[in-house]
Amino acid sequence: MSGDDVIDLLRLRAERCAQSGLAQPIVGTPEEALALGARIAAQLAALPNSERLLFLAYLDQISSTLQGRLERLAEEMAASGERLTAAQRQGAGCRAYATVAALPRRRPRPG
């Protein structure tokens, strides 16, 4: 895959991500992101000055989409954290009830 193909691939993935409301990832793994970043850097270094500006403009578009995706993920993580905290609180209440319910009951003494 040439450098142009890498940019085209990332532009396509960024467009799909934007169209999905930032729900679809642009890269699948951190390793993939690092490999693509290295290939982009190598390609950018090899370009003549006249083509670098266009290349950087494409990267800026991709970067904007990535930033939106990161913001969405941060929001989703915060919401998940809130749900987990609520579930833990409910669990604590259930455990407290179970502890009280398991206590032996005192019966009144006859007499």
PDB file of N, CA and C in Angstrom:
ATOM      1  N   MET A   1       0.851  -1.182   0.000  1.00  0.00           N
ATOM      2  CA  MET A   1       0.000   0.000   0.000  1.00  0.00           C
ATOM      3  C   MET A   1       0.887   1.231   0.000  1.00  0.00           C
ATOM      4  N   SER A   2       0.691   2.134  -0.888  1.00  0.00           N
ATOM      5  CA  SER A   2       1.496   3.356  -0.936  1.00  0.00           C
ATOM      6  C   SER A   2       0.996   4.343   0.114  1.00  0.00           C
ATOM      7  N   GLY A   3       1.769   5.415   0.309  1.00  0.00           N
ATOM      8  CA  GLY A   3       1.375   6.431   1.281  1.00  0.00           C
ATOM      9  C   GLY A   3       0.041   7.058   0.935  1.00  0.00           C
ATOM     10  N   ASP A   4      -0.180   7.293  -0.372  1.00  0.00           N
ATOM     11  CA  ASP A   4      -1.456   7.861  -0.790  1.00  0.00           C
ATOM     12  C   ASP A   4      -2.591   6.922  -0.415  1.00  0.00           C
ATOM     13  N   ASP A   5      -2.346   5.632  -0.563  1.00  0.00           N
ATOM     14  CA  ASP A   5      -3.370   4.655  -0.199  1.00  0.00           C
ATOM     15  C   ASP A   5      -3.665   4.695   1.295  1.00  0.00           C
ATOM     16  N   VAL A   6      -2.632   4.919   2.107  1.00  0.00           N
ATOM     17  CA  VAL A   6      -2.826   5.007   3.555  1.00  0.00           C
ATOM     18  C   VAL A   6      -3.714   6.196   3.881  1.00  0.00           C
ATOM     19  N   ILE A   7      -3.433   7.342   3.281  1.00  0.00           N
ATOM     20  CA  ILE A   7      -4.262   8.525   3.516  1.00  0.00           C
ATOM     21  C   ILE A   7      -5.678   8.296   3.010  1.00  0.00           C
ATOM     22  N   ASP A   8      -5.807   7.711   1.835  1.00  0.00           N
ATOM     23  CA  ASP A   8      -7.147   7.428   1.308  1.00  0.00           C
ATOM     24  C   ASP A   8      -7.899   6.481   2.233  1.00  0.00           C
ATOM     25  N   LEU A   9      -7.206   5.469   2.738  1.00  0.00           N
ATOM     26  CA  LEU A   9      -7.832   4.527   3.666  1.00  0.00           C
ATOM     27  C   LEU A   9      -8.296   5.250   4.929  1.00  0.00           C
ATOM     28  N   LEU A  10      -7.438   6.082   5.492  1.00  0.00           N
ATOM     29  CA  LEU A  10      -7.811   6.818   6.699  1.00  0.00           C
ATOM     30  C   LEU A  10      -8.927   7.822   6.435  1.00  0.00           C
ATOM     31  N   ARG A  11      -8.889   8.490   5.289  1.00  0.00           N
ATOM     32  CA  ARG A  11      -9.974   9.426   4.944  1.00  0.00           C
ATOM     33  C   ARG A  11     -11.298   8.688   4.837  1.00  0.00           C
ATOM     34  N   LEU A  12     -11.287   7.522   4.200  1.00  0.00           N
ATOM     35  CA  LEU A  12     -12.502   6.721   4.068  1.00  0.00           C
ATOM     36  C   LEU A  12     -13.010   6.285   5.438  1.00  0.00           C
ATOM     37  N   ARG A  13     -12.107   5.807   6.272  1.00  0.00           N
ATOM     38  CA  ARG A  13     -12.514   5.393   7.624  1.00  0.00           C
ATOM     39  C   ARG A  13     -13.037   6.570   8.437  1.00  0.00           C
ATOM     40  N   ALA A  14     -12.401   7.742   8.301  1.00  0.00           N
ATOM     41  CA  ALA A  14     -12.864   8.928   9.020  1.00  0.00           C
ATOM     42  C   ALA A  14     -14.250   9.351   8.536  1.00  0.00           C
ATOM     43  N   GLU A  15     -14.486   9.268   7.237  1.00  0.00           N
ATOM     44  CA  GLU A  15     -15.814   9.596   6.700  1.00  0.00           C
ATOM     45  C   GLU A  15     -16.864   8.631   7.243  1.00  0.00           C
ATOM     46  N   ARG A  16     -16.540   7.341   7.269  1.00  0.00           N
ATOM     47  CA  ARG A  16     -17.489   6.360   7.808  1.00  0.00           C
ATOM     48  C   ARG A  16     -17.761   6.613   9.281  1.00  0.00           C
ATOM     49  N   CYS A  17     -16.718   6.952  10.010  1.00  0.00           N
ATOM     50  CA  CYS A  17     -16.872   7.258  11.426  1.00  0.00           C
ATOM     51  C   CYS A  17     -17.802   8.451  11.616  1.00  0.00           C
ATOM     52  N   ALA A  18     -17.574   9.510  10.852  1.00  0.00           N
ATOM     53  CA  ALA A  18     -18.411  10.712  10.953  1.00  0.00           C
ATOM     54  C   ALA A  18     -19.853  10.407  10.574  1.00  0.00           C
ATOM     55  N   GLN A  19     -20.042   9.598   9.530  1.00  0.00           N
ATOM     56  CA  GLN A  19     -21.393   9.246   9.097  1.00  0.00           C
ATOM     57  C   GLN A  19     -22.113   8.386  10.125  1.00  0.00           C
ATOM     58  N   SER A  20     -21.367   7.632  10.917  1.00  0.00           N
ATOM     59  CA  SER A  20     -21.985   6.773  11.924  1.00  0.00           C
ATOM     60  C   SER A  20     -22.232   7.519  13.228  1.00  0.00           C
ATOM     61  N   GLY A  21     -22.054   8.829  13.206  1.00  0.00           N
ATOM     62  CA  GLY A  21     -22.231   9.595  14.440  1.00  0.00           C
ATOM     63  C   GLY A  21     -21.070   9.378  15.391  1.00  0.00           C
ATOM     64  N   LEU A  22     -19.899   9.122  14.845  1.00  0.00           N
ATOM     65  CA  LEU A  22     -18.661   8.875  15.588  1.00  0.00           C
ATOM     66  C   LEU A  22     -18.704   7.570  16.377  1.00  0.00           C
ATOM     67  N   ALA A  23     -19.567   6.649  15.984  1.00  0.00           N
ATOM     68  CA  ALA A  23     -19.672   5.367  16.673  1.00  0.00           C
ATOM     69  C   ALA A  23     -18.690   4.331  16.133  1.00  0.00           C
ATOM     70  N   GLN A  24     -18.324   4.447  14.878  1.00  0.00           N
ATOM     71  CA  GLN A  24     -17.444   3.466  14.244  1.00  0.00           C
ATOM     72  C   GLN A  24     -15.986   3.881  14.438  1.00  0.00           C
ATOM     73  N   PRO A  25     -15.130   2.963  14.886  1.00  0.00           N
ATOM     74  CA  PRO A  25     -13.723   3.332  15.080  1.00  0.00           C
ATOM     75  C   PRO A  25     -13.004   3.584  13.758  1.00  0.00           C
ATOM     76  N   ILE A  26     -11.959   4.379  13.825  1.00  0.00           N
ATOM     77  CA  ILE A  26     -11.160   4.672  12.639  1.00  0.00           C
ATOM     78  C   ILE A  26     -10.044   3.646  12.502  1.00  0.00           C
ATOM     79  N   VAL A  27      -9.427   3.294  13.614  1.00  0.00           N
ATOM     80  CA  VAL A  27      -8.419   2.227  13.623  1.00  0.00           C
ATOM     81  C   VAL A  27      -8.861   1.188  14.642  1.00  0.00           C
ATOM     82  N   GLY A  28      -8.455  -0.054  14.404  1.00  0.00           N
ATOM     83  CA  GLY A  28      -8.918  -1.140  15.253  1.00  0.00           C
ATOM     84  C   GLY A  28      -8.120  -1.352  16.521  1.00  0.00           C
ATOM     85  N   THR A  29      -6.818  -1.093  16.460  1.00  0.00           N
ATOM     86  CA  THR A  29      -5.956  -1.360  17.616  1.00  0.00           C
ATOM     87  C   THR A  29      -4.916  -0.256  17.749  1.00  0.00           C
ATOM     88  N   PRO A  30      -4.324  -0.124  18.932  1.00  0.00           N
ATOM     89  CA  PRO A  30      -3.230   0.840  19.071  1.00  0.00           C
ATOM     90  C   PRO A  30      -2.047   0.496  18.160  1.00  0.00           C
ATOM     91  N   GLU A  31      -1.806  -0.787  17.970  1.00  0.00           N
ATOM     92  CA  GLU A  31      -0.705  -1.202  17.104  1.00  0.00           C
ATOM     93  C   GLU A  31      -0.935  -0.744  15.669  1.00  0.00           C
ATOM     94  N   GLU A  32      -2.189  -0.880  15.209  1.00  0.00           N
ATOM     95  CA  GLU A  32      -2.523  -0.433  13.859  1.00  0.00           C
ATOM     96  C   GLU A  32      -2.332   1.077  13.737  1.00  0.00           C
ATOM     97  N   ALA A  33      -2.740   1.816  14.759  1.00  0.00           N
ATOM     98  CA  ALA A  33      -2.585   3.269  14.736  1.00  0.00           C
ATOM     99  C   ALA A  33      -1.112   3.657  14.674  1.00  0.00           C
ATOM    100  N   LEU A  34      -0.284   2.977  15.458  1.00  0.00           N
ATOM    101  CA  LEU A  34       1.148   3.277  15.440  1.00  0.00           C
ATOM    102  C   LEU A  34       1.779   2.958  14.085  1.00  0.00           C
ATOM    103  N   ALA A  35       1.398   1.829  13.517  1.00  0.00           N
ATOM    104  CA  ALA A  35       1.943   1.442  12.208  1.00  0.00           C
ATOM    105  C   ALA A  35       1.523   2.447  11.133  1.00  0.00           C
ATOM    106  N   LEU A  36       0.265   2.846  11.157  1.00  0.00           N
ATOM    107  CA  LEU A  36      -0.201   3.835  10.178  1.00  0.00           C
ATOM    108  C   LEU A  36       0.491   5.175  10.380  1.00  0.00           C
ATOM    109  N   GLY A  37       0.674   5.554  11.638  1.00  0.00           N
ATOM    110  CA  GLY A  37       1.372   6.808  11.929  1.00  0.00           C
ATOM    111  C   GLY A  37       2.794   6.808  11.401  1.00  0.00           C
ATOM    112  N   ALA A  38       3.485   5.695  11.563  1.00  0.00           N
ATOM    113  CA  ALA A  38       4.854   5.594  11.050  1.00  0.00           C
ATOM    114  C   ALA A  38       4.877   5.671   9.529  1.00  0.00           C
ATOM    115  N   ARG A  39       3.938   5.025   8.882  1.00  0.00           N
ATOM    116  CA  ARG A  39       3.884   5.059   7.418  1.00  0.00           C
ATOM    117  C   ARG A  39       3.554   6.462   6.911  1.00  0.00           C
ATOM    118  N   ILE A  40       2.662   7.133   7.620  1.00  0.00           N
ATOM    119  CA  ILE A  40       2.309   8.505   7.225  1.00  0.00           C
ATOM    120  C   ILE A  40       3.508   9.431   7.398  1.00  0.00           C
ATOM    121  N   ALA A  41       4.222   9.292   8.500  1.00  0.00           N
ATOM    122  CA  ALA A  41       5.403  10.139   8.731  1.00  0.00           C
ATOM    123  C   ALA A  41       6.454   9.915   7.656  1.00  0.00           C
ATOM    124  N   ALA A  42       6.670   8.664   7.295  1.00  0.00           N
ATOM    125  CA  ALA A  42       7.651   8.359   6.251  1.00  0.00           C
ATOM    126  C   ALA A  42       7.215   8.948   4.913  1.00  0.00           C
ATOM    127  N   GLN A  43       5.943   8.830   4.612  1.00  0.00           N
ATOM    128  CA  GLN A  43       5.425   9.365   3.350  1.00  0.00           C
ATOM    129  C   GLN A  43       5.536  10.886   3.323  1.00  0.00           C
ATOM    130  N   LEU A  44       5.192  11.512   4.439  1.00  0.00           N
ATOM    131  CA  LEU A  44       5.253  12.970   4.517  1.00  0.00           C
ATOM    132  C   LEU A  44       6.692  13.462   4.321  1.00  0.00           C
ATOM    133  N   ALA A  45       7.639  12.774   4.919  1.00  0.00           N
ATOM    134  CA  ALA A  45       9.051  13.170   4.789  1.00  0.00           C
ATOM    135  C   ALA A  45       9.534  13.045   3.347  1.00  0.00           C
ATOM    136  N   ALA A  46       8.956  12.118   2.605  1.00  0.00           N
ATOM    137  CA  ALA A  46       9.408  11.883   1.222  1.00  0.00           C
ATOM    138  C   ALA A  46       8.734  12.791   0.199  1.00  0.00           C
ATOM    139  N   LEU A  47       7.692  13.483   0.598  1.00  0.00           N
ATOM    140  CA  LEU A  47       6.959  14.316  -0.372  1.00  0.00           C
ATOM    141  C   LEU A  47       7.684  15.625  -0.663  1.00  0.00           C
ATOM    142  N   PRO A  48       7.528  16.113  -1.870  1.00  0.00           N
ATOM    143  CA  PRO A  48       8.035  17.469  -2.162  1.00  0.00           C
ATOM    144  C   PRO A  48       7.160  18.494  -1.435  1.00  0.00           C
ATOM    145  N   ASN A  49       7.724  19.656  -1.197  1.00  0.00           N
ATOM    146  CA  ASN A  49       7.017  20.698  -0.449  1.00  0.00           C
ATOM    147  C   ASN A  49       5.655  21.017  -1.040  1.00  0.00           C
ATOM    148  N   SER A  50       5.538  20.984  -2.338  1.00  0.00           N
ATOM    149  CA  SER A  50       4.273  21.347  -2.984  1.00  0.00           C
ATOM    150  C   SER A  50       3.141  20.381  -2.628  1.00  0.00           C
ATOM    151  N   GLU A  51       3.468  19.140  -2.336  1.00  0.00           N
ATOM    152  CA  GLU A  51       2.436  18.151  -2.019  1.00  0.00           C
ATOM    153  C   GLU A  51       2.205  17.998  -0.518  1.00  0.00           C
ATOM    154  N   ARG A  52       3.126  18.475   0.288  1.00  0.00           N
ATOM    155  CA  ARG A  52       2.991  18.326   1.756  1.00  0.00           C
ATOM    156  C   ARG A  52       1.772  19.053   2.294  1.00  0.00           C
ATOM    157  N   LEU A  53       1.482  20.212   1.771  1.00  0.00           N
ATOM    158  CA  LEU A  53       0.348  20.998   2.273  1.00  0.00           C
ATOM    159  C   LEU A  53      -0.968  20.252   2.072  1.00  0.00           C
ATOM    160  N   LEU A  54      -1.168  19.678   0.899  1.00  0.00           N
ATOM    161  CA  LEU A  54      -2.380  18.899   0.639  1.00  0.00           C
ATOM    162  C   LEU A  54      -2.441  17.685   1.560  1.00  0.00           C
ATOM    163  N   PHE A  55      -1.322  17.009   1.705  1.00  0.00           N
ATOM    164  CA  PHE A  55      -1.221  15.843   2.575  1.00  0.00           C
ATOM    165  C   PHE A  55      -1.596  16.227   4.012  1.00  0.00           C
ATOM    166  N   LEU A  56      -1.057  17.345   4.479  1.00  0.00           N
ATOM    167  CA  LEU A  56      -1.357  17.815   5.830  1.00  0.00           C
ATOM    168  C   LEU A  56      -2.819  18.233   5.980  1.00  0.00           C
ATOM    169  N   ALA A  57      -3.416  18.768   4.925  1.00  0.00           N
ATOM    170  CA  ALA A  57      -4.836  19.129   4.979  1.00  0.00           C
ATOM    171  C   ALA A  57      -5.697  17.886   5.167  1.00  0.00           C
ATOM    172  N   TYR A  58      -5.343  16.810   4.468  1.00  0.00           N
ATOM    173  CA  TYR A  58      -6.075  15.548   4.656  1.00  0.00           C
ATOM    174  C   TYR A  58      -5.909  15.051   6.089  1.00  0.00           C
ATOM    175  N   LEU A  59      -4.692  15.145   6.592  1.00  0.00           N
ATOM    176  CA  LEU A  59      -4.442  14.695   7.964  1.00  0.00           C
ATOM    177  C   LEU A  59      -5.215  15.541   8.978  1.00  0.00           C
ATOM    178  N   ASP A  60      -5.378  16.833   8.700  1.00  0.00           N
ATOM    179  CA  ASP A  60      -6.138  17.700   9.595  1.00  0.00           C
ATOM    180  C   ASP A  60      -7.602  17.276   9.643  1.00  0.00           C
ATOM    181  N   GLN A  61      -8.167  16.919   8.494  1.00  0.00           N
ATOM    182  CA  GLN A  61      -9.552  16.431   8.459  1.00  0.00           C
ATOM    183  C   GLN A  61      -9.682  15.149   9.273  1.00  0.00           C
ATOM    184  N   ILE A  62      -8.739  14.248   9.101  1.00  0.00           N
ATOM    185  CA  ILE A  62      -8.755  12.980   9.834  1.00  0.00           C
ATOM    186  C   ILE A  62      -8.605  13.247  11.330  1.00  0.00           C
ATOM    187  N   SER A  63      -7.717  14.166  11.677  1.00  0.00           N
ATOM    188  CA  SER A  63      -7.490  14.511  13.077  1.00  0.00           C
ATOM    189  C   SER A  63      -8.751  15.066  13.738  1.00  0.00           C
ATOM    190  N   SER A  64      -9.488  15.891  13.019  1.00  0.00           N
ATOM    191  CA  SER A  64     -10.743  16.447  13.561  1.00  0.00           C
ATOM    192  C   SER A  64     -11.738  15.337  13.871  1.00  0.00           C
ATOM    193  N   THR A  65     -11.840  14.383  12.979  1.00  0.00           N
ATOM    194  CA  THR A  65     -12.750  13.260  13.210  1.00  0.00           C
ATOM    195  C   THR A  65     -12.276  12.420  14.380  1.00  0.00           C
ATOM    196  N   LEU A  66     -10.978  12.185  14.462  1.00  0.00           N
ATOM    197  CA  LEU A  66     -10.431  11.423  15.589  1.00  0.00           C
ATOM    198  C   LEU A  66     -10.726  12.123  16.920  1.00  0.00           C
ATOM    199  N   GLN A  67     -10.593  13.442  16.938  1.00  0.00           N
ATOM    200  CA  GLN A  67     -10.880  14.182  18.167  1.00  0.00           C
ATOM    201  C   GLN A  67     -12.348  14.027  18.567  1.00  0.00           C
ATOM    202  N   GLY A  68     -13.244  14.108  17.589  1.00  0.00           N
ATOM    203  CA  GLY A  68     -14.661  13.896  17.884  1.00  0.00           C
ATOM    204  C   GLY A  68     -14.921  12.495  18.410  1.00  0.00           C
ATOM    205  N   ARG A  69     -14.267  11.517  17.820  1.00  0.00           N
ATOM    206  CA  ARG A  69     -14.407  10.122  18.262  1.00  0.00           C
ATOM    207  C   ARG A  69     -13.915   9.976  19.702  1.00  0.00           C
ATOM    208  N   LEU A  70     -12.780  10.582  20.035  1.00  0.00           N
ATOM    209  CA  LEU A  70     -12.257  10.512  21.395  1.00  0.00           C
ATOM    210  C   LEU A  70     -13.213  11.160  22.394  1.00  0.00           C
ATOM    211  N   GLU A  71     -13.799  12.277  22.015  1.00  0.00           N
ATOM    212  CA  GLU A  71     -14.759  12.942  22.898  1.00  0.00           C
ATOM    213  C   GLU A  71     -15.979  12.051  23.127  1.00  0.00           C
ATOM    214  N   ARG A  72     -16.453  11.402  22.066  1.00  0.00           N
ATOM    215  CA  ARG A  72     -17.594  10.502  22.213  1.00  0.00           C
ATOM    216  C   ARG A  72     -17.242   9.333  23.134  1.00  0.00           C
ATOM    217  N   LEU A  73     -16.060   8.756  22.948  1.00  0.00           N
ATOM    218  CA  LEU A  73     -15.644   7.642  23.807  1.00  0.00           C
ATOM    219  C   LEU A  73     -15.541   8.080  25.266  1.00  0.00           C
ATOM    220  N   ALA A  74     -15.036   9.285  25.498  1.00  0.00           N
ATOM    221  CA  ALA A  74     -14.945   9.796  26.867  1.00  0.00           C
ATOM    222  C   ALA A  74     -16.338   9.928  27.488  1.00  0.00           C
ATOM    223  N   GLU A  75     -17.300  10.411  26.716  1.00  0.00           N
ATOM    224  CA  GLU A  75     -18.672  10.523  27.207  1.00  0.00           C
ATOM    225  C   GLU A  75     -19.260   9.146  27.517  1.00  0.00           C
ATOM    226  N   GLU A  76     -19.011   8.181  26.618  1.00  0.00           N
ATOM    227  CA  GLU A  76     -19.523   6.829  26.836  1.00  0.00           C
ATOM    228  C   GLU A  76     -18.893   6.194  28.072  1.00  0.00           C
ATOM    229  N   MET A  77     -17.592   6.437  28.275  1.00  0.00           N
ATOM    230  CA  MET A  77     -16.918   5.882  29.450  1.00  0.00           C
ATOM    231  C   MET A  77     -17.465   6.503  30.733  1.00  0.00           C
ATOM    232  N   ALA A  78     -17.727   7.796  30.710  1.00  0.00           N
ATOM    233  CA  ALA A  78     -18.284   8.468  31.887  1.00  0.00           C
ATOM    234  C   ALA A  78     -19.671   7.918  32.208  1.00  0.00           C
ATOM    235  N   ALA A  79     -20.484   7.709  31.188  1.00  0.00           N
ATOM    236  CA  ALA A  79     -21.827   7.162  31.402  1.00  0.00           C
ATOM    237  C   ALA A  79     -21.742   5.733  31.936  1.00  0.00           C
ATOM    238  N   SER A  80     -20.816   4.947  31.407  1.00  0.00           N
ATOM    239  CA  SER A  80     -20.645   3.580  31.898  1.00  0.00           C
ATOM    240  C   SER A  80     -20.186   3.588  33.353  1.00  0.00           C
ATOM    241  N   GLY A  81     -19.296   4.505  33.683  1.00  0.00           N
ATOM    242  CA  GLY A  81     -18.831   4.622  35.064  1.00  0.00           C
ATOM    243  C   GLY A  81     -19.971   4.961  36.013  1.00  0.00           C
ATOM    244  N   GLU A  82     -20.850   5.851  35.575  1.00  0.00           N
ATOM    245  CA  GLU A  82     -22.003   6.213  36.407  1.00  0.00           C
ATOM    246  C   GLU A  82     -22.924   5.010  36.612  1.00  0.00           C
ATOM    247  N   ARG A  83     -23.141   4.224  35.545  1.00  0.00           N
ATOM    248  CA  ARG A  83     -23.986   3.030  35.671  1.00  0.00           C
ATOM    249  C   ARG A  83     -23.347   2.007  36.601  1.00  0.00           C
ATOM    250  N   LEU A  84     -22.038   1.839  36.518  1.00  0.00           N
ATOM    251  CA  LEU A  84     -21.350   0.893  37.398  1.00  0.00           C
ATOM    252  C   LEU A  84     -21.438   1.338  38.854  1.00  0.00           C
ATOM    253  N   THR A  85     -21.264   2.632  39.088  1.00  0.00           N
ATOM    254  CA  THR A  85     -21.369   3.152  40.448  1.00  0.00           C
ATOM    255  C   THR A  85     -22.774   2.923  41.003  1.00  0.00           C
ATOM    256  N   ALA A  86     -23.789   3.172  40.190  1.00  0.00           N
ATOM    257  CA  ALA A  86     -25.176   2.941  40.624  1.00  0.00           C
ATOM    258  C   ALA A  86     -25.409   1.458  40.921  1.00  0.00           C
ATOM    259  N   ALA A  87     -24.872   0.586  40.094  1.00  0.00           N
ATOM    260  CA  ALA A  87     -25.041  -0.854  40.306  1.00  0.00           C
ATOM    261  C   ALA A  87     -24.336  -1.292  41.586  1.00  0.00           C
ATOM    262  N   GLN A  88     -23.174  -0.718  41.872  1.00  0.00           N
ATOM    263  CA  GLN A  88     -22.466  -1.056  43.103  1.00  0.00           C
ATOM    264  C   GLN A  88     -23.257  -0.603  44.327  1.00  0.00           C
ATOM    265  N   ARG A  89     -23.857   0.569  44.226  1.00  0.00           N
ATOM    266  CA  ARG A  89     -24.672   1.058  45.348  1.00  0.00           C
ATOM    267  C   ARG A  89     -25.878   0.149  45.571  1.00  0.00           C
ATOM    268  N   GLN A  90     -26.505  -0.262  44.481  1.00  0.00           N
ATOM    269  CA  GLN A  90     -27.641  -1.179  44.612  1.00  0.00           C
ATOM    270  C   GLN A  90     -27.193  -2.486  45.228  1.00  0.00           C
ATOM    271  N   GLY A  91     -26.051  -2.983  44.806  1.00  0.00           N
ATOM    272  CA  GLY A  91     -25.527  -4.232  45.345  1.00  0.00           C
ATOM    273  C   GLY A  91     -25.256  -4.125  46.831  1.00  0.00           C
ATOM    274  N   ALA A  92     -24.739  -2.991  47.270  1.00  0.00           N
ATOM    275  CA  ALA A  92     -24.474  -2.789  48.698  1.00  0.00           C
ATOM    276  C   ALA A  92     -25.783  -2.795  49.483  1.00  0.00           C
ATOM    277  N   GLY A  93     -26.810  -2.168  48.914  1.00  0.00           N
ATOM    278  CA  GLY A  93     -28.117  -2.165  49.587  1.00  0.00           C
ATOM    279  C   GLY A  93     -28.701  -3.565  49.679  1.00  0.00           C
ATOM    280  N   CYS A  94     -28.560  -4.337  48.632  1.00  0.00           N
ATOM    281  CA  CYS A  94     -29.063  -5.714  48.639  1.00  0.00           C
ATOM    282  C   CYS A  94     -28.308  -6.563  49.654  1.00  0.00           C
ATOM    283  N   ARG A  95     -26.998  -6.381  49.739  1.00  0.00           N
ATOM    284  CA  ARG A  95     -26.206  -7.147  50.713  1.00  0.00           C
ATOM    285  C   ARG A  95     -26.597  -6.778  52.135  1.00  0.00           C
ATOM    286  N   ALA A  96     -26.832  -5.486  52.379  1.00  0.00           N
ATOM    287  CA  ALA A  96     -27.233  -5.054  53.722  1.00  0.00           C
ATOM    288  C   ALA A  96     -28.579  -5.669  54.094  1.00  0.00           C
ATOM    289  N   TYR A  97     -29.509  -5.686  53.162  1.00  0.00           N
ATOM    290  CA  TYR A  97     -30.818  -6.291  53.419  1.00  0.00           C
ATOM    291  C   TYR A  97     -30.671  -7.781  53.702  1.00  0.00           C
ATOM    292  N   ALA A  98     -29.853  -8.456  52.912  1.00  0.00           N
ATOM    293  CA  ALA A  98     -29.661  -9.900  53.098  1.00  0.00           C
ATOM    294  C   ALA A  98     -29.036 -10.191  54.450  1.00  0.00           C
ATOM    295  N   THR A  99     -28.113  -9.338  54.900  1.00  0.00           N
ATOM    296  CA  THR A  99     -27.482  -9.528  56.205  1.00  0.00           C
ATOM    297  C   THR A  99     -28.503  -9.383  57.323  1.00  0.00           C
ATOM    298  N   VAL A 100     -29.331  -8.375  57.233  1.00  0.00           N
ATOM    299  CA  VAL A 100     -30.361  -8.154  58.256  1.00  0.00           C
ATOM    300  C   VAL A 100     -31.390  -9.281  58.217  1.00  0.00           C
ATOM    301  N   ALA A 101     -31.779  -9.695  57.038  1.00  0.00           N
ATOM    302  CA  ALA A 101     -32.780 -10.749  56.911  1.00  0.00           C
ATOM    303  C   ALA A 101     -32.264 -12.080  57.444  1.00  0.00           C
ATOM    304  N   ALA A 102     -30.969 -12.281  57.434  1.00  0.00           N
ATOM    305  CA  ALA A 102     -30.390 -13.550  57.888  1.00  0.00           C
ATOM    306  C   ALA A 102     -30.189 -13.597  59.401  1.00  0.00           C
ATOM    307  N   LEU A 103     -30.352 -12.468  60.091  1.00  0.00           N
ATOM    308  CA  LEU A 103     -30.182 -12.468  61.546  1.00  0.00           C
ATOM    309  C   LEU A 103     -31.259 -13.327  62.204  1.00  0.00           C
ATOM    310  N   PRO A 104     -30.869 -14.017  63.270  1.00  0.00           N
ATOM    311  CA  PRO A 104     -31.888 -14.820  63.967  1.00  0.00           C
ATOM    312  C   PRO A 104     -32.947 -13.898  64.574  1.00  0.00           C
ATOM    313  N   ARG A 105     -34.156 -14.356  64.521  1.00  0.00           N
ATOM    314  CA  ARG A 105     -35.273 -13.563  65.060  1.00  0.00           C
ATOM    315  C   ARG A 105     -35.508 -13.957  66.508  1.00  0.00           C
ATOM    316  N   ARG A 106     -35.723 -12.950  67.315  1.00  0.00           N
ATOM    317  CA  ARG A 106     -36.021 -13.219  68.733  1.00  0.00           C
ATOM    318  C   ARG A 106     -37.502 -13.457  68.877  1.00  0.00           C
ATOM    319  N   ARG A 107     -37.779 -14.508  69.543  1.00  0.00           N
ATOM    320  CA  ARG A 107     -39.188 -14.813  69.829  1.00  0.00           C
ATOM    321  C   ARG A 107     -39.503 -14.397  71.256  1.00  0.00           C
ATOM    322  N   PRO A 108     -40.686 -13.884  71.423  1.00  0.00           N
ATOM    323  CA  PRO A 108     -41.052 -13.477  72.800  1.00  0.00           C
ATOM    324  C   PRO A 108     -41.081 -14.705  73.707  1.00  0.00           C
ATOM    325  N   ARG A 109     -40.626 -14.521  74.941  1.00  0.00           N
ATOM    326  CA  ARG A 109     -40.638 -15.615  75.906  1.00  0.00           C
ATOM    327  C   ARG A 109     -42.040 -15.770  76.490  1.00  0.00           C
ATOM    328  N   PRO A 110     -42.407 -17.012  76.567  1.00  0.00           N
ATOM    329  CA  PRO A 110     -43.736 -17.202  77.168  1.00  0.00           C
ATOM    330  C   PRO A 110     -43.715 -16.817  78.652  1.00  0.00           C
ATOM    331  N   GLY A 111     -44.761 -16.266  79.041  1.00  0.00           N
ATOM    332  CA  GLY A 111     -44.856 -16.105  80.383  1.00  0.00           C
ATOM    333  C   GLY A 111     -45.143 -15.097  81.220  1.00  0.00           C
TER     334      GLY A 111
END
